[in-house]
Amino acid sequence: MPRLLPHLLAAAGLFLALSCGSKLPEPESRPAQLYRQYCSAKGCHDPIPPKRGGTQYWELQNKRMLELMRNQGFPLPSSAEQEEILAYLRRHAQGAQ
């Protein structure tokens, strides 16, 4: 089993890179750029495609991530930018039409 662990970890990393790094909808739009800037510009993680969760998921994630960013001293989006990002995520969320 110890010899198998590096292969499993590599496969898991590849899966995450392919699934999380997929293209965002409207990639050149201001909300997509803001989302990318605040959610992944510092190298925390790739932006998660909005279709990965529903609107309630994004509401909770938004609150959780803002608190985490605040606690870790990352720059926070303005209120207007936060609403733009959240509106973008809602518009492209799983089940949104």
PDB file of N, CA and C in Angstrom:
ATOM      1  N   MET A   1       0.821  -1.215   0.000  1.00  0.00           N
ATOM      2  CA  MET A   1       0.000   0.000   0.000  1.00  0.00           C
ATOM      3  C   MET A   1       0.859   1.272   0.000  1.00  0.00           C
ATOM      4  N   PRO A   2       1.985   1.332   0.750  1.00  0.00           N
ATOM      5  CA  PRO A   2       2.788   2.556   0.734  1.00  0.00           C
ATOM      6  C   PRO A   2       3.278   2.936  -0.663  1.00  0.00           C
ATOM      7  N   ARG A   3       3.523   1.963  -1.540  1.00  0.00           N
ATOM      8  CA  ARG A   3       3.974   2.268  -2.895  1.00  0.00           C
ATOM      9  C   ARG A   3       2.840   2.842  -3.736  1.00  0.00           C
ATOM     10  N   LEU A   4       1.640   2.525  -3.380  1.00  0.00           N
ATOM     11  CA  LEU A   4       0.486   2.987  -4.126  1.00  0.00           C
ATOM     12  C   LEU A   4       0.108   4.434  -3.774  1.00  0.00           C
ATOM     13  N   LEU A   5       0.453   4.864  -2.583  1.00  0.00           N
ATOM     14  CA  LEU A   5       0.058   6.190  -2.099  1.00  0.00           C
ATOM     15  C   LEU A   5       0.510   7.322  -3.019  1.00  0.00           C
ATOM     16  N   PRO A   6       1.766   7.370  -3.474  1.00  0.00           N
ATOM     17  CA  PRO A   6       2.151   8.474  -4.363  1.00  0.00           C
ATOM     18  C   PRO A   6       1.334   8.512  -5.653  1.00  0.00           C
ATOM     19  N   HIS A   7       0.972   7.350  -6.164  1.00  0.00           N
ATOM     20  CA  HIS A   7       0.171   7.304  -7.389  1.00  0.00           C
ATOM     21  C   HIS A   7      -1.244   7.797  -7.135  1.00  0.00           C
ATOM     22  N   LEU A   8      -1.799   7.439  -5.986  1.00  0.00           N
ATOM     23  CA  LEU A   8      -3.139   7.920  -5.640  1.00  0.00           C
ATOM     24  C   LEU A   8      -3.143   9.430  -5.449  1.00  0.00           C
ATOM     25  N   LEU A   9      -2.112   9.949  -4.800  1.00  0.00           N
ATOM     26  CA  LEU A   9      -2.031  11.392  -4.586  1.00  0.00           C
ATOM     27  C   LEU A   9      -1.869  12.137  -5.912  1.00  0.00           C
ATOM     28  N   ALA A  10      -1.074  11.594  -6.800  1.00  0.00           N
ATOM     29  CA  ALA A  10      -0.898  12.217  -8.114  1.00  0.00           C
ATOM     30  C   ALA A  10      -2.212  12.211  -8.894  1.00  0.00           C
ATOM     31  N   ALA A  11      -2.941  11.109  -8.844  1.00  0.00           N
ATOM     32  CA  ALA A  11      -4.221  11.021  -9.541  1.00  0.00           C
ATOM     33  C   ALA A  11      -5.223  12.011  -8.955  1.00  0.00           C
ATOM     34  N   ALA A  12      -5.243  12.129  -7.635  1.00  0.00           N
ATOM     35  CA  ALA A  12      -6.155  13.076  -6.985  1.00  0.00           C
ATOM     36  C   ALA A  12      -5.806  14.508  -7.379  1.00  0.00           C
ATOM     37  N   GLY A  13      -4.519  14.825  -7.423  1.00  0.00           N
ATOM     38  CA  GLY A  13      -4.087  16.160  -7.829  1.00  0.00           C
ATOM     39  C   GLY A  13      -4.475  16.466  -9.255  1.00  0.00           C
ATOM     40  N   LEU A  14      -4.318  15.507 -10.141  1.00  0.00           N
ATOM     41  CA  LEU A  14      -4.693  15.692 -11.536  1.00  0.00           C
ATOM     42  C   LEU A  14      -6.199  15.910 -11.660  1.00  0.00           C
ATOM     43  N   PHE A  15      -6.976  15.128 -10.923  1.00  0.00           N
ATOM     44  CA  PHE A  15      -8.428  15.281 -10.951  1.00  0.00           C
ATOM     45  C   PHE A  15      -8.822  16.684 -10.498  1.00  0.00           C
ATOM     46  N   LEU A  16      -8.238  17.153  -9.394  1.00  0.00           N
ATOM     47  CA  LEU A  16      -8.577  18.488  -8.893  1.00  0.00           C
ATOM     48  C   LEU A  16      -8.163  19.572  -9.874  1.00  0.00           C
ATOM     49  N   ALA A  17      -6.999  19.409 -10.469  1.00  0.00           N
ATOM     50  CA  ALA A  17      -6.531  20.407 -11.432  1.00  0.00           C
ATOM     51  C   ALA A  17      -7.464  20.481 -12.635  1.00  0.00           C
ATOM     52  N   LEU A  18      -7.921  19.341 -13.095  1.00  0.00           N
ATOM     53  CA  LEU A  18      -8.805  19.330 -14.257  1.00  0.00           C
ATOM     54  C   LEU A  18     -10.201  19.806 -13.919  1.00  0.00           C
ATOM     55  N   SER A  19     -10.706  19.447 -12.747  1.00  0.00           N
ATOM     56  CA  SER A  19     -12.082  19.802 -12.417  1.00  0.00           C
ATOM     57  C   SER A  19     -12.207  21.235 -11.928  1.00  0.00           C
ATOM     58  N   CYS A  20     -11.259  21.724 -11.146  1.00  0.00           N
ATOM     59  CA  CYS A  20     -11.360  23.082 -10.616  1.00  0.00           C
ATOM     60  C   CYS A  20     -10.825  24.125 -11.586  1.00  0.00           C
ATOM     61  N   GLY A  21      -9.911  23.723 -12.434  1.00  0.00           N
ATOM     62  CA  GLY A  21      -9.293  24.674 -13.330  1.00  0.00           C
ATOM     63  C   GLY A  21     -10.048  24.868 -14.625  1.00  0.00           C
ATOM     64  N   SER A  22     -11.249  24.282 -14.714  1.00  0.00           N
ATOM     65  CA  SER A  22     -11.994  24.430 -15.951  1.00  0.00           C
ATOM     66  C   SER A  22     -12.371  25.891 -16.157  1.00  0.00           C
ATOM     67  N   LYS A  23     -12.699  26.230 -17.377  1.00  0.00           N
ATOM     68  CA  LYS A  23     -12.969  27.620 -17.724  1.00  0.00           C
ATOM     69  C   LYS A  23     -14.226  28.135 -17.039  1.00  0.00           C
ATOM     70  N   LEU A  24     -14.162  29.392 -16.677  1.00  0.00           N
ATOM     71  CA  LEU A  24     -15.311  30.061 -16.082  1.00  0.00           C
ATOM     72  C   LEU A  24     -16.221  30.576 -17.186  1.00  0.00           C
ATOM     73  N   PRO A  25     -17.528  30.656 -16.921  1.00  0.00           N
ATOM     74  CA  PRO A  25     -18.419  31.280 -17.895  1.00  0.00           C
ATOM     75  C   PRO A  25     -18.112  32.780 -17.990  1.00  0.00           C
ATOM     76  N   GLU A  26     -18.300  33.338 -19.165  1.00  0.00           N
ATOM     77  CA  GLU A  26     -18.050  34.768 -19.399  1.00  0.00           C
ATOM     78  C   GLU A  26     -16.683  35.176 -18.850  1.00  0.00           C
ATOM     79  N   PRO A  27     -15.600  34.487 -19.229  1.00  0.00           N
ATOM     80  CA  PRO A  27     -14.298  34.707 -18.598  1.00  0.00           C
ATOM     81  C   PRO A  27     -13.760  36.133 -18.680  1.00  0.00           C
ATOM     82  N   GLU A  28     -14.174  36.895 -19.683  1.00  0.00           N
ATOM     83  CA  GLU A  28     -13.664  38.262 -19.830  1.00  0.00           C
ATOM     84  C   GLU A  28     -14.547  39.301 -19.142  1.00  0.00           C
ATOM     85  N   SER A  29     -15.680  38.872 -18.585  1.00  0.00           N
ATOM     86  CA  SER A  29     -16.582  39.830 -17.936  1.00  0.00           C
ATOM     87  C   SER A  29     -15.961  40.339 -16.633  1.00  0.00           C
ATOM     88  N   ARG A  30     -16.385  41.514 -16.229  1.00  0.00           N
ATOM     89  CA  ARG A  30     -15.874  42.098 -14.980  1.00  0.00           C
ATOM     90  C   ARG A  30     -16.141  41.188 -13.779  1.00  0.00           C
ATOM     91  N   PRO A  31     -17.359  40.625 -13.621  1.00  0.00           N
ATOM     92  CA  PRO A  31     -17.586  39.765 -12.456  1.00  0.00           C
ATOM     93  C   PRO A  31     -16.683  38.527 -12.442  1.00  0.00           C
ATOM     94  N   ALA A  32     -16.447  37.929 -13.608  1.00  0.00           N
ATOM     95  CA  ALA A  32     -15.567  36.756 -13.657  1.00  0.00           C
ATOM     96  C   ALA A  32     -14.147  37.152 -13.278  1.00  0.00           C
ATOM     97  N   GLN A  33     -13.704  38.310 -13.739  1.00  0.00           N
ATOM     98  CA  GLN A  33     -12.365  38.773 -13.402  1.00  0.00           C
ATOM     99  C   GLN A  33     -12.246  39.092 -11.915  1.00  0.00           C
ATOM    100  N   LEU A  34     -13.288  39.704 -11.341  1.00  0.00           N
ATOM    101  CA  LEU A  34     -13.279  39.974  -9.901  1.00  0.00           C
ATOM    102  C   LEU A  34     -13.252  38.671  -9.110  1.00  0.00           C
ATOM    103  N   TYR A  35     -14.063  37.725  -9.529  1.00  0.00           N
ATOM    104  CA  TYR A  35     -14.104  36.412  -8.864  1.00  0.00           C
ATOM    105  C   TYR A  35     -12.725  35.769  -8.891  1.00  0.00           C
ATOM    106  N   ARG A  36     -12.101  35.777 -10.059  1.00  0.00           N
ATOM    107  CA  ARG A  36     -10.762  35.198 -10.198  1.00  0.00           C
ATOM    108  C   ARG A  36      -9.753  35.967  -9.337  1.00  0.00           C
ATOM    109  N   GLN A  37      -9.840  37.298  -9.357  1.00  0.00           N
ATOM    110  CA  GLN A  37      -8.901  38.138  -8.609  1.00  0.00           C
ATOM    111  C   GLN A  37      -8.967  37.877  -7.105  1.00  0.00           C
ATOM    112  N   TYR A  38     -10.161  37.886  -6.561  1.00  0.00           N
ATOM    113  CA  TYR A  38     -10.286  37.751  -5.111  1.00  0.00           C
ATOM    114  C   TYR A  38     -10.255  36.309  -4.634  1.00  0.00           C
ATOM    115  N   CYS A  39     -10.658  35.387  -5.476  1.00  0.00           N
ATOM    116  CA  CYS A  39     -10.744  34.001  -5.027  1.00  0.00           C
ATOM    117  C   CYS A  39      -9.519  33.165  -5.364  1.00  0.00           C
ATOM    118  N   SER A  40      -8.685  33.643  -6.284  1.00  0.00           N
ATOM    119  CA  SER A  40      -7.545  32.794  -6.610  1.00  0.00           C
ATOM    120  C   SER A  40      -6.271  33.544  -6.973  1.00  0.00           C
ATOM    121  N   ALA A  41      -6.296  34.850  -7.006  1.00  0.00           N
ATOM    122  CA  ALA A  41      -5.104  35.591  -7.438  1.00  0.00           C
ATOM    123  C   ALA A  41      -3.917  35.374  -6.515  1.00  0.00           C
ATOM    124  N   LYS A  42      -4.158  35.129  -5.257  1.00  0.00           N
ATOM    125  CA  LYS A  42      -3.074  34.936  -4.302  1.00  0.00           C
ATOM    126  C   LYS A  42      -2.615  33.488  -4.233  1.00  0.00           C
ATOM    127  N   GLY A  43      -3.164  32.649  -5.094  1.00  0.00           N
ATOM    128  CA  GLY A  43      -2.728  31.268  -5.135  1.00  0.00           C
ATOM    129  C   GLY A  43      -3.400  30.354  -4.135  1.00  0.00           C
ATOM    130  N   CYS A  44      -4.484  30.811  -3.507  1.00  0.00           N
ATOM    131  CA  CYS A  44      -5.184  29.947  -2.550  1.00  0.00           C
ATOM    132  C   CYS A  44      -5.717  28.702  -3.256  1.00  0.00           C
ATOM    133  N   HIS A  45      -6.432  28.928  -4.328  1.00  0.00           N
ATOM    134  CA  HIS A  45      -7.004  27.831  -5.100  1.00  0.00           C
ATOM    135  C   HIS A  45      -7.469  28.384  -6.431  1.00  0.00           C
ATOM    136  N   ASP A  46      -7.679  27.495  -7.378  1.00  0.00           N
ATOM    137  CA  ASP A  46      -8.253  27.919  -8.651  1.00  0.00           C
ATOM    138  C   ASP A  46      -9.701  28.312  -8.404  1.00  0.00           C
ATOM    139  N   PRO A  47     -10.243  29.214  -9.207  1.00  0.00           N
ATOM    140  CA  PRO A  47     -11.654  29.544  -9.023  1.00  0.00           C
ATOM    141  C   PRO A  47     -12.521  28.317  -9.314  1.00  0.00           C
ATOM    142  N   ILE A  48     -13.457  28.088  -8.445  1.00  0.00           N
ATOM    143  CA  ILE A  48     -14.362  26.947  -8.595  1.00  0.00           C
ATOM    144  C   ILE A  48     -15.447  27.325  -9.599  1.00  0.00           C
ATOM    145  N   PRO A  49     -15.672  26.493 -10.602  1.00  0.00           N
ATOM    146  CA  PRO A  49     -16.725  26.816 -11.571  1.00  0.00           C
ATOM    147  C   PRO A  49     -18.074  26.988 -10.865  1.00  0.00           C
ATOM    148  N   PRO A  50     -18.818  28.035 -11.188  1.00  0.00           N
ATOM    149  CA  PRO A  50     -20.087  28.292 -10.521  1.00  0.00           C
ATOM    150  C   PRO A  50     -21.077  27.130 -10.567  1.00  0.00           C
ATOM    151  N   LYS A  51     -21.042  26.321 -11.619  1.00  0.00           N
ATOM    152  CA  LYS A  51     -21.983  25.196 -11.724  1.00  0.00           C
ATOM    153  C   LYS A  51     -21.695  24.098 -10.706  1.00  0.00           C
ATOM    154  N   ARG A  52     -20.621  24.223  -9.958  1.00  0.00           N
ATOM    155  CA  ARG A  52     -20.290  23.228  -8.945  1.00  0.00           C
ATOM    156  C   ARG A  52     -21.237  23.287  -7.753  1.00  0.00           C
ATOM    157  N   GLY A  53     -21.981  24.376  -7.600  1.00  0.00           N
ATOM    158  CA  GLY A  53     -22.898  24.498  -6.471  1.00  0.00           C
ATOM    159  C   GLY A  53     -24.117  25.312  -6.850  1.00  0.00           C
ATOM    160  N   GLY A  54     -25.153  25.170  -6.047  1.00  0.00           N
ATOM    161  CA  GLY A  54     -26.369  25.947  -6.248  1.00  0.00           C
ATOM    162  C   GLY A  54     -26.251  27.316  -5.594  1.00  0.00           C
ATOM    163  N   THR A  55     -27.306  28.098  -5.691  1.00  0.00           N
ATOM    164  CA  THR A  55     -27.260  29.458  -5.156  1.00  0.00           C
ATOM    165  C   THR A  55     -27.046  29.483  -3.649  1.00  0.00           C
ATOM    166  N   GLN A  56     -27.660  28.561  -2.923  1.00  0.00           N
ATOM    167  CA  GLN A  56     -27.462  28.523  -1.467  1.00  0.00           C
ATOM    168  C   GLN A  56     -26.018  28.185  -1.119  1.00  0.00           C
ATOM    169  N   TYR A  57     -25.421  27.285  -1.885  1.00  0.00           N
ATOM    170  CA  TYR A  57     -24.011  26.935  -1.676  1.00  0.00           C
ATOM    171  C   TYR A  57     -23.141  28.188  -1.795  1.00  0.00           C
ATOM    172  N   TRP A  58     -23.386  28.986  -2.848  1.00  0.00           N
ATOM    173  CA  TRP A  58     -22.565  30.169  -3.074  1.00  0.00           C
ATOM    174  C   TRP A  58     -22.807  31.237  -2.020  1.00  0.00           C
ATOM    175  N   GLU A  59     -24.036  31.335  -1.519  1.00  0.00           N
ATOM    176  CA  GLU A  59     -24.309  32.288  -0.425  1.00  0.00           C
ATOM    177  C   GLU A  59     -23.459  31.931   0.797  1.00  0.00           C
ATOM    178  N   LEU A  60     -23.461  30.654   1.152  1.00  0.00           N
ATOM    179  CA  LEU A  60     -22.685  30.198   2.314  1.00  0.00           C
ATOM    180  C   LEU A  60     -21.183  30.315   2.077  1.00  0.00           C
ATOM    181  N   GLN A  61     -20.736  29.923   0.888  1.00  0.00           N
ATOM    182  CA  GLN A  61     -19.305  30.006   0.570  1.00  0.00           C
ATOM    183  C   GLN A  61     -18.832  31.449   0.591  1.00  0.00           C
ATOM    184  N   ASN A  62     -19.637  32.349   0.079  1.00  0.00           N
ATOM    185  CA  ASN A  62     -19.272  33.763   0.065  1.00  0.00           C
ATOM    186  C   ASN A  62     -19.018  34.260   1.484  1.00  0.00           C
ATOM    187  N   LYS A  63     -19.937  33.999   2.380  1.00  0.00           N
ATOM    188  CA  LYS A  63     -19.775  34.425   3.779  1.00  0.00           C
ATOM    189  C   LYS A  63     -18.546  33.780   4.411  1.00  0.00           C
ATOM    190  N   ARG A  64     -18.391  32.486   4.172  1.00  0.00           N
ATOM    191  CA  ARG A  64     -17.271  31.753   4.767  1.00  0.00           C
ATOM    192  C   ARG A  64     -15.926  32.271   4.254  1.00  0.00           C
ATOM    193  N   MET A  65     -15.844  32.491   2.941  1.00  0.00           N
ATOM    194  CA  MET A  65     -14.580  32.933   2.372  1.00  0.00           C
ATOM    195  C   MET A  65     -14.249  34.371   2.751  1.00  0.00           C
ATOM    196  N   LEU A  66     -15.244  35.243   2.834  1.00  0.00           N
ATOM    197  CA  LEU A  66     -14.972  36.616   3.269  1.00  0.00           C
ATOM    198  C   LEU A  66     -14.417  36.628   4.689  1.00  0.00           C
ATOM    199  N   GLU A  67     -14.979  35.815   5.549  1.00  0.00           N
ATOM    200  CA  GLU A  67     -14.482  35.733   6.922  1.00  0.00           C
ATOM    201  C   GLU A  67     -13.054  35.190   6.951  1.00  0.00           C
ATOM    202  N   LEU A  68     -12.807  34.158   6.178  1.00  0.00           N
ATOM    203  CA  LEU A  68     -11.467  33.570   6.108  1.00  0.00           C
ATOM    204  C   LEU A  68     -10.460  34.587   5.568  1.00  0.00           C
ATOM    205  N   MET A  69     -10.824  35.285   4.508  1.00  0.00           N
ATOM    206  CA  MET A  69      -9.936  36.302   3.931  1.00  0.00           C
ATOM    207  C   MET A  69      -9.650  37.413   4.943  1.00  0.00           C
ATOM    208  N   ARG A  70     -10.679  37.851   5.642  1.00  0.00           N
ATOM    209  CA  ARG A  70     -10.531  38.904   6.652  1.00  0.00           C
ATOM    210  C   ARG A  70      -9.582  38.443   7.752  1.00  0.00           C
ATOM    211  N   ASN A  71      -9.779  37.235   8.241  1.00  0.00           N
ATOM    212  CA  ASN A  71      -8.946  36.698   9.323  1.00  0.00           C
ATOM    213  C   ASN A  71      -7.494  36.503   8.908  1.00  0.00           C
ATOM    214  N   GLN A  72      -7.258  36.237   7.626  1.00  0.00           N
ATOM    215  CA  GLN A  72      -5.898  35.991   7.152  1.00  0.00           C
ATOM    216  C   GLN A  72      -5.246  37.233   6.547  1.00  0.00           C
ATOM    217  N   GLY A  73      -5.951  38.357   6.579  1.00  0.00           N
ATOM    218  CA  GLY A  73      -5.378  39.615   6.119  1.00  0.00           C
ATOM    219  C   GLY A  73      -5.341  39.808   4.614  1.00  0.00           C
ATOM    220  N   PHE A  74      -6.156  39.054   3.862  1.00  0.00           N
ATOM    221  CA  PHE A  74      -6.216  39.237   2.419  1.00  0.00           C
ATOM    222  C   PHE A  74      -7.052  40.472   2.107  1.00  0.00           C
ATOM    223  N   PRO A  75      -6.780  41.143   0.994  1.00  0.00           N
ATOM    224  CA  PRO A  75      -7.628  42.283   0.611  1.00  0.00           C
ATOM    225  C   PRO A  75      -9.048  41.800   0.305  1.00  0.00           C
ATOM    226  N   LEU A  76     -10.008  42.551   0.778  1.00  0.00           N
ATOM    227  CA  LEU A  76     -11.413  42.189   0.578  1.00  0.00           C
ATOM    228  C   LEU A  76     -12.030  43.008  -0.549  1.00  0.00           C
ATOM    229  N   PRO A  77     -12.957  42.400  -1.271  1.00  0.00           N
ATOM    230  CA  PRO A  77     -13.670  43.181  -2.286  1.00  0.00           C
ATOM    231  C   PRO A  77     -14.568  44.215  -1.611  1.00  0.00           C
ATOM    232  N   SER A  78     -14.816  45.311  -2.303  1.00  0.00           N
ATOM    233  CA  SER A  78     -15.752  46.309  -1.787  1.00  0.00           C
ATOM    234  C   SER A  78     -17.144  45.682  -1.756  1.00  0.00           C
ATOM    235  N   SER A  79     -18.081  46.364  -1.125  1.00  0.00           N
ATOM    236  CA  SER A  79     -19.462  45.861  -1.083  1.00  0.00           C
ATOM    237  C   SER A  79     -20.024  45.691  -2.488  1.00  0.00           C
ATOM    238  N   ALA A  80     -19.753  46.661  -3.361  1.00  0.00           N
ATOM    239  CA  ALA A  80     -20.244  46.582  -4.744  1.00  0.00           C
ATOM    240  C   ALA A  80     -19.598  45.399  -5.472  1.00  0.00           C
ATOM    241  N   GLU A  81     -18.298  45.188  -5.265  1.00  0.00           N
ATOM    242  CA  GLU A  81     -17.610  44.058  -5.900  1.00  0.00           C
ATOM    243  C   GLU A  81     -18.134  42.731  -5.363  1.00  0.00           C
ATOM    244  N   GLN A  82     -18.388  42.671  -4.062  1.00  0.00           N
ATOM    245  CA  GLN A  82     -18.947  41.447  -3.470  1.00  0.00           C
ATOM    246  C   GLN A  82     -20.280  41.101  -4.121  1.00  0.00           C
ATOM    247  N   GLU A  83     -21.129  42.096  -4.291  1.00  0.00           N
ATOM    248  CA  GLU A  83     -22.443  41.851  -4.898  1.00  0.00           C
ATOM    249  C   GLU A  83     -22.304  41.436  -6.352  1.00  0.00           C
ATOM    250  N   GLU A  84     -21.351  42.030  -7.059  1.00  0.00           N
ATOM    251  CA  GLU A  84     -21.114  41.656  -8.461  1.00  0.00           C
ATOM    252  C   GLU A  84     -20.669  40.201  -8.566  1.00  0.00           C
ATOM    253  N   ILE A  85     -19.750  39.814  -7.690  1.00  0.00           N
ATOM    254  CA  ILE A  85     -19.253  38.433  -7.686  1.00  0.00           C
ATOM    255  C   ILE A  85     -20.387  37.475  -7.347  1.00  0.00           C
ATOM    256  N   LEU A  86     -21.144  37.786  -6.317  1.00  0.00           N
ATOM    257  CA  LEU A  86     -22.228  36.913  -5.889  1.00  0.00           C
ATOM    258  C   LEU A  86     -23.317  36.814  -6.954  1.00  0.00           C
ATOM    259  N   ALA A  87     -23.631  37.912  -7.618  1.00  0.00           N
ATOM    260  CA  ALA A  87     -24.624  37.888  -8.701  1.00  0.00           C
ATOM    261  C   ALA A  87     -24.133  37.002  -9.848  1.00  0.00           C
ATOM    262  N   TYR A  88     -22.851  37.083 -10.149  1.00  0.00           N
ATOM    263  CA  TYR A  88     -22.240  36.238 -11.190  1.00  0.00           C
ATOM    264  C   TYR A  88     -22.357  34.762 -10.816  1.00  0.00           C
ATOM    265  N   LEU A  89     -22.023  34.442  -9.567  1.00  0.00           N
ATOM    266  CA  LEU A  89     -22.100  33.044  -9.117  1.00  0.00           C
ATOM    267  C   LEU A  89     -23.535  32.534  -9.134  1.00  0.00           C
ATOM    268  N   ARG A  90     -24.478  33.364  -8.697  1.00  0.00           N
ATOM    269  CA  ARG A  90     -25.891  32.976  -8.721  1.00  0.00           C
ATOM    270  C   ARG A  90     -26.367  32.731 -10.157  1.00  0.00           C
ATOM    271  N   ARG A  91     -25.977  33.615 -11.060  1.00  0.00           N
ATOM    272  CA  ARG A  91     -26.421  33.523 -12.460  1.00  0.00           C
ATOM    273  C   ARG A  91     -25.932  32.236 -13.129  1.00  0.00           C
ATOM    274  N   HIS A  92     -24.763  31.764 -12.727  1.00  0.00           N
ATOM    275  CA  HIS A  92     -24.171  30.587 -13.370  1.00  0.00           C
ATOM    276  C   HIS A  92     -24.176  29.362 -12.461  1.00  0.00           C
ATOM    277  N   ALA A  93     -24.879  29.442 -11.352  1.00  0.00           N
ATOM    278  CA  ALA A  93     -24.910  28.321 -10.398  1.00  0.00           C
ATOM    279  C   ALA A  93     -25.639  27.129 -10.975  1.00  0.00           C
ATOM    280  N   GLN A  94     -25.401  25.999 -10.346  1.00  0.00           N
ATOM    281  CA  GLN A  94     -26.084  24.758 -10.715  1.00  0.00           C
ATOM    282  C   GLN A  94     -27.587  24.982 -10.616  1.00  0.00           C
ATOM    283  N   GLY A  95     -28.308  24.651 -11.663  1.00  0.00           N
ATOM    284  CA  GLY A  95     -29.758  24.797 -11.660  1.00  0.00           C
ATOM    285  C   GLY A  95     -30.245  26.163 -12.068  1.00  0.00           C
ATOM    286  N   ALA A  96     -29.338  27.144 -12.217  1.00  0.00           N
ATOM    287  CA  ALA A  96     -29.762  28.496 -12.643  1.00  0.00           C
ATOM    288  C   ALA A  96     -30.072  28.478 -14.129  1.00  0.00           C
ATOM    289  N   GLN A  97     -30.994  29.327 -14.522  1.00  0.00           N
ATOM    290  CA  GLN A  97     -31.342  29.397 -15.958  1.00  0.00           C
ATOM    291  C   GLN A  97     -31.258  30.778 -16.482  1.00  0.00           C
TER     292      GLN A  97
END
